[in-house]
Amino acid sequence: MEEFQASKPIYMQIVDKISHQVVRGEIKLGDKLPSVREMAIQTGVNPNTIQRTYSELERMAIVETRRGQGTFVTEANDVIVNLKERLQKEIIKEFVTNMSELGFSKEDMMTGLRNYVEKEGQ
């Protein structure tokens, strides 16, 4: 059973989780995803929510549904590269927005980020 945030639709939170797993390589290109029913049980949500999740992932070209076989992660590496770049931009945008709201200048942000990456980053 997973914990979900009230601020974002559950199906989109599951889309994000699966997208991140694909980008990190935890789910490989061409891998078969669990059936809608299996995923609903794993996540503790309604099967309709998972169906919506899979439909959204398909719309994003991250997965493809093969009639009678199931839902599979795309084998198109360029789709995953684009997804990774899009996720990076979203994270950077959120960081910059948050820092700007706190009154940090672009120079402050760059210095803080550089110091963090050099001293504390992984």
PDB file of N, CA and C in Angstrom:
ATOM      1  N   MET A   1       0.839  -1.173   0.000  1.00  0.00           N
ATOM      2  CA  MET A   1       0.000   0.000   0.000  1.00  0.00           C
ATOM      3  C   MET A   1       0.890   1.244   0.000  1.00  0.00           C
ATOM      4  N   GLU A   2       0.610   2.161  -0.895  1.00  0.00           N
ATOM      5  CA  GLU A   2       1.439   3.350  -1.005  1.00  0.00           C
ATOM      6  C   GLU A   2       0.767   4.554  -0.376  1.00  0.00           C
ATOM      7  N   GLU A   3       1.588   5.536  -0.036  1.00  0.00           N
ATOM      8  CA  GLU A   3       1.073   6.808   0.469  1.00  0.00           C
ATOM      9  C   GLU A   3       1.001   7.776  -0.699  1.00  0.00           C
ATOM     10  N   PHE A   4      -0.129   8.450  -0.834  1.00  0.00           N
ATOM     11  CA  PHE A   4      -0.294   9.403  -1.930  1.00  0.00           C
ATOM     12  C   PHE A   4      -0.552  10.790  -1.378  1.00  0.00           C
ATOM     13  N   GLN A   5      -0.151  11.810  -2.141  1.00  0.00           N
ATOM     14  CA  GLN A   5      -0.377  13.202  -1.750  1.00  0.00           C
ATOM     15  C   GLN A   5      -1.761  13.625  -2.224  1.00  0.00           C
ATOM     16  N   ALA A   6      -2.413  14.439  -1.435  1.00  0.00           N
ATOM     17  CA  ALA A   6      -3.753  14.915  -1.798  1.00  0.00           C
ATOM     18  C   ALA A   6      -3.688  15.974  -2.891  1.00  0.00           C
ATOM     19  N   SER A   7      -2.505  16.582  -3.081  1.00  0.00           N
ATOM     20  CA  SER A   7      -2.376  17.728  -3.987  1.00  0.00           C
ATOM     21  C   SER A   7      -2.337  17.358  -5.468  1.00  0.00           C
ATOM     22  N   LYS A   8      -2.179  16.082  -5.783  1.00  0.00           N
ATOM     23  CA  LYS A   8      -2.016  15.662  -7.180  1.00  0.00           C
ATOM     24  C   LYS A   8      -2.825  14.385  -7.398  1.00  0.00           C
ATOM     25  N   PRO A   9      -3.486  14.241  -8.556  1.00  0.00           N
ATOM     26  CA  PRO A   9      -4.268  13.023  -8.792  1.00  0.00           C
ATOM     27  C   PRO A   9      -3.409  11.762  -8.622  1.00  0.00           C
ATOM     28  N   ILE A  10      -3.994  10.738  -8.022  1.00  0.00           N
ATOM     29  CA  ILE A  10      -3.261   9.499  -7.742  1.00  0.00           C
ATOM     30  C   ILE A  10      -2.699   8.891  -9.026  1.00  0.00           C
ATOM     31  N   TYR A  11      -3.493   8.882 -10.096  1.00  0.00           N
ATOM     32  CA  TYR A  11      -2.992   8.259 -11.323  1.00  0.00           C
ATOM     33  C   TYR A  11      -1.739   8.967 -11.831  1.00  0.00           C
ATOM     34  N   MET A  12      -1.674  10.299 -11.656  1.00  0.00           N
ATOM     35  CA  MET A  12      -0.483  11.035 -12.106  1.00  0.00           C
ATOM     36  C   MET A  12       0.715  10.755 -11.192  1.00  0.00           C
ATOM     37  N   GLN A  13       0.450  10.517  -9.911  1.00  0.00           N
ATOM     38  CA  GLN A  13       1.543  10.154  -9.007  1.00  0.00           C
ATOM     39  C   GLN A  13       2.129   8.795  -9.401  1.00  0.00           C
ATOM     40  N   ILE A  14       1.269   7.877  -9.839  1.00  0.00           N
ATOM     41  CA  ILE A  14       1.747   6.560 -10.275  1.00  0.00           C
ATOM     42  C   ILE A  14       2.474   6.688 -11.612  1.00  0.00           C
ATOM     43  N   VAL A  15       1.965   7.559 -12.506  1.00  0.00           N
ATOM     44  CA  VAL A  15       2.665   7.845 -13.772  1.00  0.00           C
ATOM     45  C   VAL A  15       4.082   8.338 -13.469  1.00  0.00           C
ATOM     46  N   ASP A  16       4.194   9.286 -12.525  1.00  0.00           N
ATOM     47  CA  ASP A  16       5.503   9.826 -12.157  1.00  0.00           C
ATOM     48  C   ASP A  16       6.422   8.732 -11.619  1.00  0.00           C
ATOM     49  N   LYS A  17       5.878   7.891 -10.745  1.00  0.00           N
ATOM     50  CA  LYS A  17       6.687   6.830 -10.142  1.00  0.00           C
ATOM     51  C   LYS A  17       7.211   5.880 -11.220  1.00  0.00           C
ATOM     52  N   ILE A  18       6.337   5.443 -12.113  1.00  0.00           N
ATOM     53  CA  ILE A  18       6.762   4.520 -13.173  1.00  0.00           C
ATOM     54  C   ILE A  18       7.757   5.210 -14.109  1.00  0.00           C
ATOM     55  N   SER A  19       7.495   6.474 -14.463  1.00  0.00           N
ATOM     56  CA  SER A  19       8.410   7.226 -15.335  1.00  0.00           C
ATOM     57  C   SER A  19       9.802   7.301 -14.723  1.00  0.00           C
ATOM     58  N   HIS A  20       9.863   7.592 -13.426  1.00  0.00           N
ATOM     59  CA  HIS A  20      11.157   7.697 -12.747  1.00  0.00           C
ATOM     60  C   HIS A  20      11.861   6.339 -12.716  1.00  0.00           C
ATOM     61  N   GLN A  21      11.100   5.261 -12.506  1.00  0.00           N
ATOM     62  CA  GLN A  21      11.703   3.926 -12.501  1.00  0.00           C
ATOM     63  C   GLN A  21      12.274   3.581 -13.878  1.00  0.00           C
ATOM     64  N   VAL A  22      11.590   3.992 -14.933  1.00  0.00           N
ATOM     65  CA  VAL A  22      12.074   3.741 -16.296  1.00  0.00           C
ATOM     66  C   VAL A  22      13.354   4.547 -16.544  1.00  0.00           C
ATOM     67  N   VAL A  23      13.341   5.824 -16.182  1.00  0.00           N
ATOM     68  CA  VAL A  23      14.511   6.687 -16.394  1.00  0.00           C
ATOM     69  C   VAL A  23      15.723   6.170 -15.618  1.00  0.00           C
ATOM     70  N   ARG A  24      15.491   5.676 -14.392  1.00  0.00           N
ATOM     71  CA  ARG A  24      16.591   5.147 -13.571  1.00  0.00           C
ATOM     72  C   ARG A  24      17.048   3.763 -14.024  1.00  0.00           C
ATOM     73  N   GLY A  25      16.298   3.122 -14.921  1.00  0.00           N
ATOM     74  CA  GLY A  25      16.661   1.796 -15.395  1.00  0.00           C
ATOM     75  C   GLY A  25      16.171   0.669 -14.499  1.00  0.00           C
ATOM     76  N   GLU A  26      15.340   0.998 -13.495  1.00  0.00           N
ATOM     77  CA  GLU A  26      14.765  -0.043 -12.629  1.00  0.00           C
ATOM     78  C   GLU A  26      13.747  -0.866 -13.416  1.00  0.00           C
ATOM     79  N   ILE A  27      13.073  -0.202 -14.345  1.00  0.00           N
ATOM     80  CA  ILE A  27      12.214  -0.883 -15.306  1.00  0.00           C
ATOM     81  C   ILE A  27      12.889  -0.680 -16.658  1.00  0.00           C
ATOM     82  N   LYS A  28      13.221  -1.771 -17.331  1.00  0.00           N
ATOM     83  CA  LYS A  28      13.999  -1.706 -18.572  1.00  0.00           C
ATOM     84  C   LYS A  28      13.114  -1.523 -19.806  1.00  0.00           C
ATOM     85  N   LEU A  29      13.736  -1.037 -20.884  1.00  0.00           N
ATOM     86  CA  LEU A  29      13.033  -0.933 -22.159  1.00  0.00           C
ATOM     87  C   LEU A  29      12.506  -2.316 -22.539  1.00  0.00           C
ATOM     88  N   GLY A  30      11.253  -2.377 -22.962  1.00  0.00           N
ATOM     89  CA  GLY A  30      10.659  -3.635 -23.382  1.00  0.00           C
ATOM     90  C   GLY A  30      10.080  -4.484 -22.260  1.00  0.00           C
ATOM     91  N   ASP A  31      10.305  -4.089 -20.994  1.00  0.00           N
ATOM     92  CA  ASP A  31       9.753  -4.852 -19.865  1.00  0.00           C
ATOM     93  C   ASP A  31       8.233  -4.813 -19.880  1.00  0.00           C
ATOM     94  N   LYS A  32       7.633  -5.903 -19.427  1.00  0.00           N
ATOM     95  CA  LYS A  32       6.185  -5.991 -19.291  1.00  0.00           C
ATOM     96  C   LYS A  32       5.799  -5.437 -17.922  1.00  0.00           C
ATOM     97  N   LEU A  33       4.819  -4.560 -17.892  1.00  0.00           N
ATOM     98  CA  LEU A  33       4.306  -4.045 -16.626  1.00  0.00           C
ATOM     99  C   LEU A  33       3.286  -5.037 -16.071  1.00  0.00           C
ATOM    100  N   PRO A  34       3.059  -4.999 -14.748  1.00  0.00           N
ATOM    101  CA  PRO A  34       2.025  -5.871 -14.176  1.00  0.00           C
ATOM    102  C   PRO A  34       0.669  -5.570 -14.822  1.00  0.00           C
ATOM    103  N   SER A  35      -0.218  -6.556 -14.799  1.00  0.00           N
ATOM    104  CA  SER A  35      -1.569  -6.320 -15.322  1.00  0.00           C
ATOM    105  C   SER A  35      -2.226  -5.215 -14.498  1.00  0.00           C
ATOM    106  N   VAL A  36      -3.293  -4.652 -15.038  1.00  0.00           N
ATOM    107  CA  VAL A  36      -4.025  -3.601 -14.326  1.00  0.00           C
ATOM    108  C   VAL A  36      -4.433  -4.112 -12.942  1.00  0.00           C
ATOM    109  N   ARG A  37      -4.963  -5.315 -12.900  1.00  0.00           N
ATOM    110  CA  ARG A  37      -5.425  -5.884 -11.625  1.00  0.00           C
ATOM    111  C   ARG A  37      -4.260  -6.056 -10.646  1.00  0.00           C
ATOM    112  N   GLU A  38      -3.131  -6.615 -11.128  1.00  0.00           N
ATOM    113  CA  GLU A  38      -1.951  -6.811 -10.266  1.00  0.00           C
ATOM    114  C   GLU A  38      -1.441  -5.476  -9.724  1.00  0.00           C
ATOM    115  N   MET A  39      -1.332  -4.484 -10.610  1.00  0.00           N
ATOM    116  CA  MET A  39      -0.825  -3.173 -10.195  1.00  0.00           C
ATOM    117  C   MET A  39      -1.782  -2.521  -9.192  1.00  0.00           C
ATOM    118  N   ALA A  40      -3.081  -2.706  -9.394  1.00  0.00           N
ATOM    119  CA  ALA A  40      -4.072  -2.147  -8.461  1.00  0.00           C
ATOM    120  C   ALA A  40      -3.876  -2.751  -7.079  1.00  0.00           C
ATOM    121  N   ILE A  41      -3.626  -4.043  -7.018  1.00  0.00           N
ATOM    122  CA  ILE A  41      -3.403  -4.711  -5.728  1.00  0.00           C
ATOM    123  C   ILE A  41      -2.103  -4.221  -5.098  1.00  0.00           C
ATOM    124  N   GLN A  42      -1.034  -4.133  -5.902  1.00  0.00           N
ATOM    125  CA  GLN A  42       0.269  -3.683  -5.392  1.00  0.00           C
ATOM    126  C   GLN A  42       0.205  -2.275  -4.810  1.00  0.00           C
ATOM    127  N   THR A  43      -0.525  -1.394  -5.487  1.00  0.00           N
ATOM    128  CA  THR A  43      -0.562   0.010  -5.067  1.00  0.00           C
ATOM    129  C   THR A  43      -1.718   0.320  -4.123  1.00  0.00           C
ATOM    130  N   GLY A  44      -2.685  -0.607  -4.043  1.00  0.00           N
ATOM    131  CA  GLY A  44      -3.824  -0.396  -3.162  1.00  0.00           C
ATOM    132  C   GLY A  44      -4.812   0.620  -3.698  1.00  0.00           C
ATOM    133  N   VAL A  45      -4.888   0.735  -5.030  1.00  0.00           N
ATOM    134  CA  VAL A  45      -5.842   1.677  -5.628  1.00  0.00           C
ATOM    135  C   VAL A  45      -6.817   0.920  -6.535  1.00  0.00           C
ATOM    136  N   ASN A  46      -7.855   1.609  -6.941  1.00  0.00           N
ATOM    137  CA  ASN A  46      -8.886   1.054  -7.803  1.00  0.00           C
ATOM    138  C   ASN A  46      -8.300   0.700  -9.187  1.00  0.00           C
ATOM    139  N   PRO A  47      -8.702  -0.437  -9.766  1.00  0.00           N
ATOM    140  CA  PRO A  47      -8.206  -0.788 -11.111  1.00  0.00           C
ATOM    141  C   PRO A  47      -8.475   0.298 -12.160  1.00  0.00           C
ATOM    142  N   ASN A  48      -9.566   1.052 -12.012  1.00  0.00           N
ATOM    143  CA  ASN A  48      -9.839   2.146 -12.958  1.00  0.00           C
ATOM    144  C   ASN A  48      -8.735   3.205 -12.911  1.00  0.00           C
ATOM    145  N   THR A  49      -8.172   3.423 -11.724  1.00  0.00           N
ATOM    146  CA  THR A  49      -7.072   4.386 -11.567  1.00  0.00           C
ATOM    147  C   THR A  49      -5.840   3.889 -12.322  1.00  0.00           C
ATOM    148  N   ILE A  50      -5.562   2.592 -12.225  1.00  0.00           N
ATOM    149  CA  ILE A  50      -4.407   2.019 -12.927  1.00  0.00           C
ATOM    150  C   ILE A  50      -4.644   2.053 -14.433  1.00  0.00           C
ATOM    151  N   GLN A  51      -5.872   1.781 -14.855  1.00  0.00           N
ATOM    152  CA  GLN A  51      -6.183   1.847 -16.291  1.00  0.00           C
ATOM    153  C   GLN A  51      -5.908   3.257 -16.805  1.00  0.00           C
ATOM    154  N   ARG A  52      -6.284   4.252 -16.013  1.00  0.00           N
ATOM    155  CA  ARG A  52      -6.033   5.649 -16.388  1.00  0.00           C
ATOM    156  C   ARG A  52      -4.527   5.931 -16.416  1.00  0.00           C
ATOM    157  N   THR A  53      -3.803   5.372 -15.446  1.00  0.00           N
ATOM    158  CA  THR A  53      -2.340   5.511 -15.396  1.00  0.00           C
ATOM    159  C   THR A  53      -1.717   4.952 -16.677  1.00  0.00           C
ATOM    160  N   TYR A  54      -2.104   3.718 -17.038  1.00  0.00           N
ATOM    161  CA  TYR A  54      -1.537   3.078 -18.221  1.00  0.00           C
ATOM    162  C   TYR A  54      -1.916   3.839 -19.488  1.00  0.00           C
ATOM    163  N   SER A  55      -3.148   4.363 -19.526  1.00  0.00           N
ATOM    164  CA  SER A  55      -3.573   5.161 -20.691  1.00  0.00           C
ATOM    165  C   SER A  55      -2.716   6.418 -20.824  1.00  0.00           C
ATOM    166  N   GLU A  56      -2.427   7.068 -19.704  1.00  0.00           N
ATOM    167  CA  GLU A  56      -1.593   8.272 -19.728  1.00  0.00           C
ATOM    168  C   GLU A  56      -0.168   7.929 -20.154  1.00  0.00           C
ATOM    169  N   LEU A  57       0.381   6.838 -19.633  1.00  0.00           N
ATOM    170  CA  LEU A  57       1.726   6.411 -20.026  1.00  0.00           C
ATOM    171  C   LEU A  57       1.773   6.086 -21.520  1.00  0.00           C
ATOM    172  N   GLU A  58       0.687   5.513 -22.029  1.00  0.00           N
ATOM    173  CA  GLU A  58       0.619   5.193 -23.460  1.00  0.00           C
ATOM    174  C   GLU A  58       0.541   6.479 -24.279  1.00  0.00           C
ATOM    175  N   ARG A  59      -0.254   7.441 -23.801  1.00  0.00           N
ATOM    176  CA  ARG A  59      -0.355   8.736 -24.484  1.00  0.00           C
ATOM    177  C   ARG A  59       1.011   9.415 -24.552  1.00  0.00           C
ATOM    178  N   MET A  60       1.817   9.232 -23.511  1.00  0.00           N
ATOM    179  CA  MET A  60       3.160   9.816 -23.438  1.00  0.00           C
ATOM    180  C   MET A  60       4.184   8.987 -24.222  1.00  0.00           C
ATOM    181  N   ALA A  61       3.748   7.859 -24.800  1.00  0.00           N
ATOM    182  CA  ALA A  61       4.592   6.938 -25.589  1.00  0.00           C
ATOM    183  C   ALA A  61       5.635   6.214 -24.744  1.00  0.00           C
ATOM    184  N   ILE A  62       5.438   6.171 -23.425  1.00  0.00           N
ATOM    185  CA  ILE A  62       6.366   5.467 -22.544  1.00  0.00           C
ATOM    186  C   ILE A  62       6.069   3.972 -22.556  1.00  0.00           C
ATOM    187  N   VAL A  63       4.788   3.631 -22.730  1.00  0.00           N
ATOM    188  CA  VAL A  63       4.401   2.225 -22.814  1.00  0.00           C
ATOM    189  C   VAL A  63       3.551   2.007 -24.055  1.00  0.00           C
ATOM    190  N   GLU A  64       3.403   0.737 -24.410  1.00  0.00           N
ATOM    191  CA  GLU A  64       2.480   0.366 -25.485  1.00  0.00           C
ATOM    192  C   GLU A  64       1.716  -0.865 -25.023  1.00  0.00           C
ATOM    193  N   THR A  65       0.439  -0.901 -25.346  1.00  0.00           N
ATOM    194  CA  THR A  65      -0.390  -2.049 -24.988  1.00  0.00           C
ATOM    195  C   THR A  65      -0.503  -2.954 -26.195  1.00  0.00           C
ATOM    196  N   ARG A  66      -0.206  -4.232 -25.977  1.00  0.00           N
ATOM    197  CA  ARG A  66      -0.331  -5.228 -27.047  1.00  0.00           C
ATOM    198  C   ARG A  66      -1.526  -6.103 -26.722  1.00  0.00           C
ATOM    199  N   ARG A  67      -2.485  -6.066 -27.582  1.00  0.00           N
ATOM    200  CA  ARG A  67      -3.737  -6.799 -27.359  1.00  0.00           C
ATOM    201  C   ARG A  67      -3.472  -8.259 -26.991  1.00  0.00           C
ATOM    202  N   GLY A  68      -4.018  -8.676 -25.857  1.00  0.00           N
ATOM    203  CA  GLY A  68      -3.880 -10.054 -25.412  1.00  0.00           C
ATOM    204  C   GLY A  68      -2.550 -10.392 -24.755  1.00  0.00           C
ATOM    205  N   GLN A  69      -1.610  -9.445 -24.761  1.00  0.00           N
ATOM    206  CA  GLN A  69      -0.287  -9.703 -24.182  1.00  0.00           C
ATOM    207  C   GLN A  69       0.005  -8.859 -22.955  1.00  0.00           C
ATOM    208  N   GLY A  70      -0.508  -7.625 -22.941  1.00  0.00           N
ATOM    209  CA  GLY A  70      -0.258  -6.755 -21.804  1.00  0.00           C
ATOM    210  C   GLY A  70       0.328  -5.420 -22.206  1.00  0.00           C
ATOM    211  N   THR A  71       0.865  -4.736 -21.202  1.00  0.00           N
ATOM    212  CA  THR A  71       1.433  -3.401 -21.380  1.00  0.00           C
ATOM    213  C   THR A  71       2.940  -3.488 -21.197  1.00  0.00           C
ATOM    214  N   PHE A  72       3.667  -2.949 -22.180  1.00  0.00           N
ATOM    215  CA  PHE A  72       5.122  -3.040 -22.197  1.00  0.00           C
ATOM    216  C   PHE A  72       5.743  -1.653 -22.292  1.00  0.00           C
ATOM    217  N   VAL A  73       6.906  -1.489 -21.638  1.00  0.00           N
ATOM    218  CA  VAL A  73       7.668  -0.253 -21.766  1.00  0.00           C
ATOM    219  C   VAL A  73       8.176  -0.174 -23.196  1.00  0.00           C
ATOM    220  N   THR A  74       8.159   1.011 -23.762  1.00  0.00           N
ATOM    221  CA  THR A  74       8.644   1.209 -25.124  1.00  0.00           C
ATOM    222  C   THR A  74      10.082   0.704 -25.269  1.00  0.00           C
ATOM    223  N   GLU A  75      10.437   0.342 -26.474  1.00  0.00           N
ATOM    224  CA  GLU A  75      11.825  -0.035 -26.749  1.00  0.00           C
ATOM    225  C   GLU A  75      12.559   1.111 -27.435  1.00  0.00           C
ATOM    226  N   ALA A  76      11.867   2.247 -27.612  1.00  0.00           N
ATOM    227  CA  ALA A  76      12.447   3.416 -28.272  1.00  0.00           C
ATOM    228  C   ALA A  76      13.251   4.227 -27.255  1.00  0.00           C
ATOM    229  N   ASN A  77      14.569   4.101 -27.323  1.00  0.00           N
ATOM    230  CA  ASN A  77      15.446   4.790 -26.378  1.00  0.00           C
ATOM    231  C   ASN A  77      15.274   6.307 -26.429  1.00  0.00           C
ATOM    232  N   ASP A  78      15.013   6.872 -27.625  1.00  0.00           N
ATOM    233  CA  ASP A  78      14.872   8.329 -27.740  1.00  0.00           C
ATOM    234  C   ASP A  78      13.691   8.843 -26.914  1.00  0.00           C
ATOM    235  N   VAL A  79      12.644   8.033 -26.770  1.00  0.00           N
ATOM    236  CA  VAL A  79      11.491   8.426 -25.944  1.00  0.00           C
ATOM    237  C   VAL A  79      11.935   8.581 -24.493  1.00  0.00           C
ATOM    238  N   ILE A  80      12.774   7.657 -24.026  1.00  0.00           N
ATOM    239  CA  ILE A  80      13.247   7.688 -22.644  1.00  0.00           C
ATOM    240  C   ILE A  80      14.235   8.838 -22.441  1.00  0.00           C
ATOM    241  N   VAL A  81      15.082   9.093 -23.428  1.00  0.00           N
ATOM    242  CA  VAL A  81      16.012  10.231 -23.348  1.00  0.00           C
ATOM    243  C   VAL A  81      15.216  11.535 -23.237  1.00  0.00           C
ATOM    244  N   ASN A  82      14.167  11.681 -24.059  1.00  0.00           N
ATOM    245  CA  ASN A  82      13.319  12.872 -23.996  1.00  0.00           C
ATOM    246  C   ASN A  82      12.618  12.979 -22.648  1.00  0.00           C
ATOM    247  N   LEU A  83      12.140  11.852 -22.124  1.00  0.00           N
ATOM    248  CA  LEU A  83      11.489  11.833 -20.814  1.00  0.00           C
ATOM    249  C   LEU A  83      12.463  12.291 -19.737  1.00  0.00           C
ATOM    250  N   LYS A  84      13.679  11.787 -19.783  1.00  0.00           N
ATOM    251  CA  LYS A  84      14.694  12.164 -18.792  1.00  0.00           C
ATOM    252  C   LYS A  84      14.976  13.665 -18.845  1.00  0.00           C
ATOM    253  N   GLU A  85      15.093  14.206 -20.062  1.00  0.00           N
ATOM    254  CA  GLU A  85      15.337  15.646 -20.225  1.00  0.00           C
ATOM    255  C   GLU A  85      14.158  16.460 -19.701  1.00  0.00           C
ATOM    256  N   ARG A  86      12.921  15.982 -19.970  1.00  0.00           N
ATOM    257  CA  ARG A  86      11.723  16.687 -19.507  1.00  0.00           C
ATOM    258  C   ARG A  86      11.661  16.688 -17.975  1.00  0.00           C
ATOM    259  N   LEU A  87      11.973  15.549 -17.359  1.00  0.00           N
ATOM    260  CA  LEU A  87      11.976  15.467 -15.897  1.00  0.00           C
ATOM    261  C   LEU A  87      13.032  16.394 -15.304  1.00  0.00           C
ATOM    262  N   GLN A  88      14.198  16.439 -15.941  1.00  0.00           N
ATOM    263  CA  GLN A  88      15.263  17.330 -15.472  1.00  0.00           C
ATOM    264  C   GLN A  88      14.794  18.783 -15.502  1.00  0.00           C
ATOM    265  N   LYS A  89      14.176  19.189 -16.606  1.00  0.00           N
ATOM    266  CA  LYS A  89      13.695  20.568 -16.723  1.00  0.00           C
ATOM    267  C   LYS A  89      12.646  20.889 -15.669  1.00  0.00           C
ATOM    268  N   GLU A  90      11.737  19.937 -15.400  1.00  0.00           N
ATOM    269  CA  GLU A  90      10.703  20.151 -14.385  1.00  0.00           C
ATOM    270  C   GLU A  90      11.325  20.365 -13.007  1.00  0.00           C
ATOM    271  N   ILE A  91      12.324  19.535 -12.672  1.00  0.00           N
ATOM    272  CA  ILE A  91      12.978  19.639 -11.362  1.00  0.00           C
ATOM    273  C   ILE A  91      13.732  20.956 -11.254  1.00  0.00           C
ATOM    274  N   ILE A  92      14.442  21.332 -12.308  1.00  0.00           N
ATOM    275  CA  ILE A  92      15.189  22.595 -12.300  1.00  0.00           C
ATOM    276  C   ILE A  92      14.225  23.772 -12.185  1.00  0.00           C
ATOM    277  N   LYS A  93      13.126  23.727 -12.933  1.00  0.00           N
ATOM    278  CA  LYS A  93      12.141  24.817 -12.888  1.00  0.00           C
ATOM    279  C   LYS A  93      11.590  24.976 -11.471  1.00  0.00           C
ATOM    280  N   GLU A  94      11.263  23.858 -10.841  1.00  0.00           N
ATOM    281  CA  GLU A  94      10.728  23.913  -9.473  1.00  0.00           C
ATOM    282  C   GLU A  94      11.758  24.486  -8.504  1.00  0.00           C
ATOM    283  N   PHE A  95      13.018  24.055  -8.658  1.00  0.00           N
ATOM    284  CA  PHE A  95      14.111  24.558  -7.823  1.00  0.00           C
ATOM    285  C   PHE A  95      14.254  26.075  -7.980  1.00  0.00           C
ATOM    286  N   VAL A  96      14.320  26.520  -9.238  1.00  0.00           N
ATOM    287  CA  VAL A  96      14.508  27.951  -9.505  1.00  0.00           C
ATOM    288  C   VAL A  96      13.326  28.759  -8.975  1.00  0.00           C
ATOM    289  N   THR A  97      12.120  28.263  -9.187  1.00  0.00           N
ATOM    290  CA  THR A  97      10.924  28.960  -8.688  1.00  0.00           C
ATOM    291  C   THR A  97      10.973  29.082  -7.172  1.00  0.00           C
ATOM    292  N   ASN A  98      11.267  27.977  -6.489  1.00  0.00           N
ATOM    293  CA  ASN A  98      11.337  27.998  -5.023  1.00  0.00           C
ATOM    294  C   ASN A  98      12.418  28.948  -4.521  1.00  0.00           C
ATOM    295  N   MET A  99      13.579  28.900  -5.137  1.00  0.00           N
ATOM    296  CA  MET A  99      14.683  29.767  -4.715  1.00  0.00           C
ATOM    297  C   MET A  99      14.358  31.240  -4.982  1.00  0.00           C
ATOM    298  N   SER A 100      13.729  31.517  -6.130  1.00  0.00           N
ATOM    299  CA  SER A 100      13.344  32.899  -6.452  1.00  0.00           C
ATOM    300  C   SER A 100      12.346  33.430  -5.436  1.00  0.00           C
ATOM    301  N   GLU A 101      11.387  32.586  -5.061  1.00  0.00           N
ATOM    302  CA  GLU A 101      10.387  32.998  -4.069  1.00  0.00           C
ATOM    303  C   GLU A 101      11.024  33.306  -2.719  1.00  0.00           C
ATOM    304  N   LEU A 102      12.164  32.676  -2.439  1.00  0.00           N
ATOM    305  CA  LEU A 102      12.885  32.947  -1.200  1.00  0.00           C
ATOM    306  C   LEU A 102      13.822  34.153  -1.335  1.00  0.00           C
ATOM    307  N   GLY A 103      13.888  34.725  -2.530  1.00  0.00           N
ATOM    308  CA  GLY A 103      14.678  35.936  -2.735  1.00  0.00           C
ATOM    309  C   GLY A 103      16.109  35.705  -3.186  1.00  0.00           C
ATOM    310  N   PHE A 104      16.432  34.492  -3.602  1.00  0.00           N
ATOM    311  CA  PHE A 104      17.790  34.222  -4.076  1.00  0.00           C
ATOM    312  C   PHE A 104      17.957  34.692  -5.519  1.00  0.00           C
ATOM    313  N   SER A 105      19.112  35.293  -5.805  1.00  0.00           N
ATOM    314  CA  SER A 105      19.422  35.712  -7.172  1.00  0.00           C
ATOM    315  C   SER A 105      19.909  34.495  -7.959  1.00  0.00           C
ATOM    316  N   LYS A 106      20.007  34.664  -9.286  1.00  0.00           N
ATOM    317  CA  LYS A 106      20.525  33.579 -10.120  1.00  0.00           C
ATOM    318  C   LYS A 106      21.942  33.209  -9.688  1.00  0.00           C
ATOM    319  N   GLU A 107      22.739  34.220  -9.368  1.00  0.00           N
ATOM    320  CA  GLU A 107      24.122  33.973  -8.937  1.00  0.00           C
ATOM    321  C   GLU A 107      24.141  33.177  -7.633  1.00  0.00           C
ATOM    322  N   ASP A 108      23.252  33.563  -6.687  1.00  0.00           N
ATOM    323  CA  ASP A 108      23.163  32.830  -5.413  1.00  0.00           C
ATOM    324  C   ASP A 108      22.798  31.368  -5.657  1.00  0.00           C
ATOM    325  N   MET A 109      21.841  31.153  -6.567  1.00  0.00           N
ATOM    326  CA  MET A 109      21.395  29.788  -6.867  1.00  0.00           C
ATOM    327  C   MET A 109      22.545  28.969  -7.438  1.00  0.00           C
ATOM    328  N   MET A 110      23.269  29.553  -8.415  1.00  0.00           N
ATOM    329  CA  MET A 110      24.371  28.836  -9.056  1.00  0.00           C
ATOM    330  C   MET A 110      25.480  28.527  -8.042  1.00  0.00           C
ATOM    331  N   THR A 111      25.811  29.514  -7.199  1.00  0.00           N
ATOM    332  CA  THR A 111      26.846  29.307  -6.177  1.00  0.00           C
ATOM    333  C   THR A 111      26.416  28.230  -5.195  1.00  0.00           C
ATOM    334  N   GLY A 112      25.169  28.318  -4.727  1.00  0.00           N
ATOM    335  CA  GLY A 112      24.655  27.332  -3.773  1.00  0.00           C
ATOM    336  C   GLY A 112      24.634  25.933  -4.362  1.00  0.00           C
ATOM    337  N   LEU A 113      24.190  25.830  -5.607  1.00  0.00           N
ATOM    338  CA  LEU A 113      24.128  24.534  -6.278  1.00  0.00           C
ATOM    339  C   LEU A 113      25.536  23.974  -6.491  1.00  0.00           C
ATOM    340  N   ARG A 114      26.441  24.821  -6.962  1.00  0.00           N
ATOM    341  CA  ARG A 114      27.831  24.380  -7.192  1.00  0.00           C
ATOM    342  C   ARG A 114      28.449  23.890  -5.886  1.00  0.00           C
ATOM    343  N   ASN A 115      28.277  24.672  -4.803  1.00  0.00           N
ATOM    344  CA  ASN A 115      28.828  24.274  -3.498  1.00  0.00           C
ATOM    345  C   ASN A 115      28.222  22.960  -3.027  1.00  0.00           C
ATOM    346  N   TYR A 116      26.926  22.798  -3.208  1.00  0.00           N
ATOM    347  CA  TYR A 116      26.261  21.582  -2.770  1.00  0.00           C
ATOM    348  C   TYR A 116      26.793  20.372  -3.532  1.00  0.00           C
ATOM    349  N   VAL A 117      26.874  20.493  -4.852  1.00  0.00           N
ATOM    350  CA  VAL A 117      27.311  19.370  -5.681  1.00  0.00           C
ATOM    351  C   VAL A 117      28.754  19.001  -5.345  1.00  0.00           C
ATOM    352  N   GLU A 118      29.612  20.005  -5.148  1.00  0.00           N
ATOM    353  CA  GLU A 118      31.018  19.745  -4.866  1.00  0.00           C
ATOM    354  C   GLU A 118      31.242  19.171  -3.473  1.00  0.00           C
ATOM    355  N   LYS A 119      30.484  19.652  -2.473  1.00  0.00           N
ATOM    356  CA  LYS A 119      30.743  19.249  -1.100  1.00  0.00           C
ATOM    357  C   LYS A 119      29.837  18.138  -0.580  1.00  0.00           C
ATOM    358  N   GLU A 120      28.548  18.186  -0.949  1.00  0.00           N
ATOM    359  CA  GLU A 120      27.594  17.263  -0.352  1.00  0.00           C
ATOM    360  C   GLU A 120      26.954  16.323  -1.353  1.00  0.00           C
ATOM    361  N   GLY A 121      27.086  16.649  -2.641  1.00  0.00           N
ATOM    362  CA  GLY A 121      26.423  15.838  -3.671  1.00  0.00           C
ATOM    363  C   GLY A 121      26.954  14.417  -3.713  1.00  0.00           C
ATOM    364  N   GLN A 122      26.205  13.595  -4.370  1.00  0.00           N
ATOM    365  CA  GLN A 122      26.563  12.163  -4.422  1.00  0.00           C
ATOM    366  C   GLN A 122      27.546  11.887  -5.526  1.00  0.00           C
TER     367      GLN A 122
END
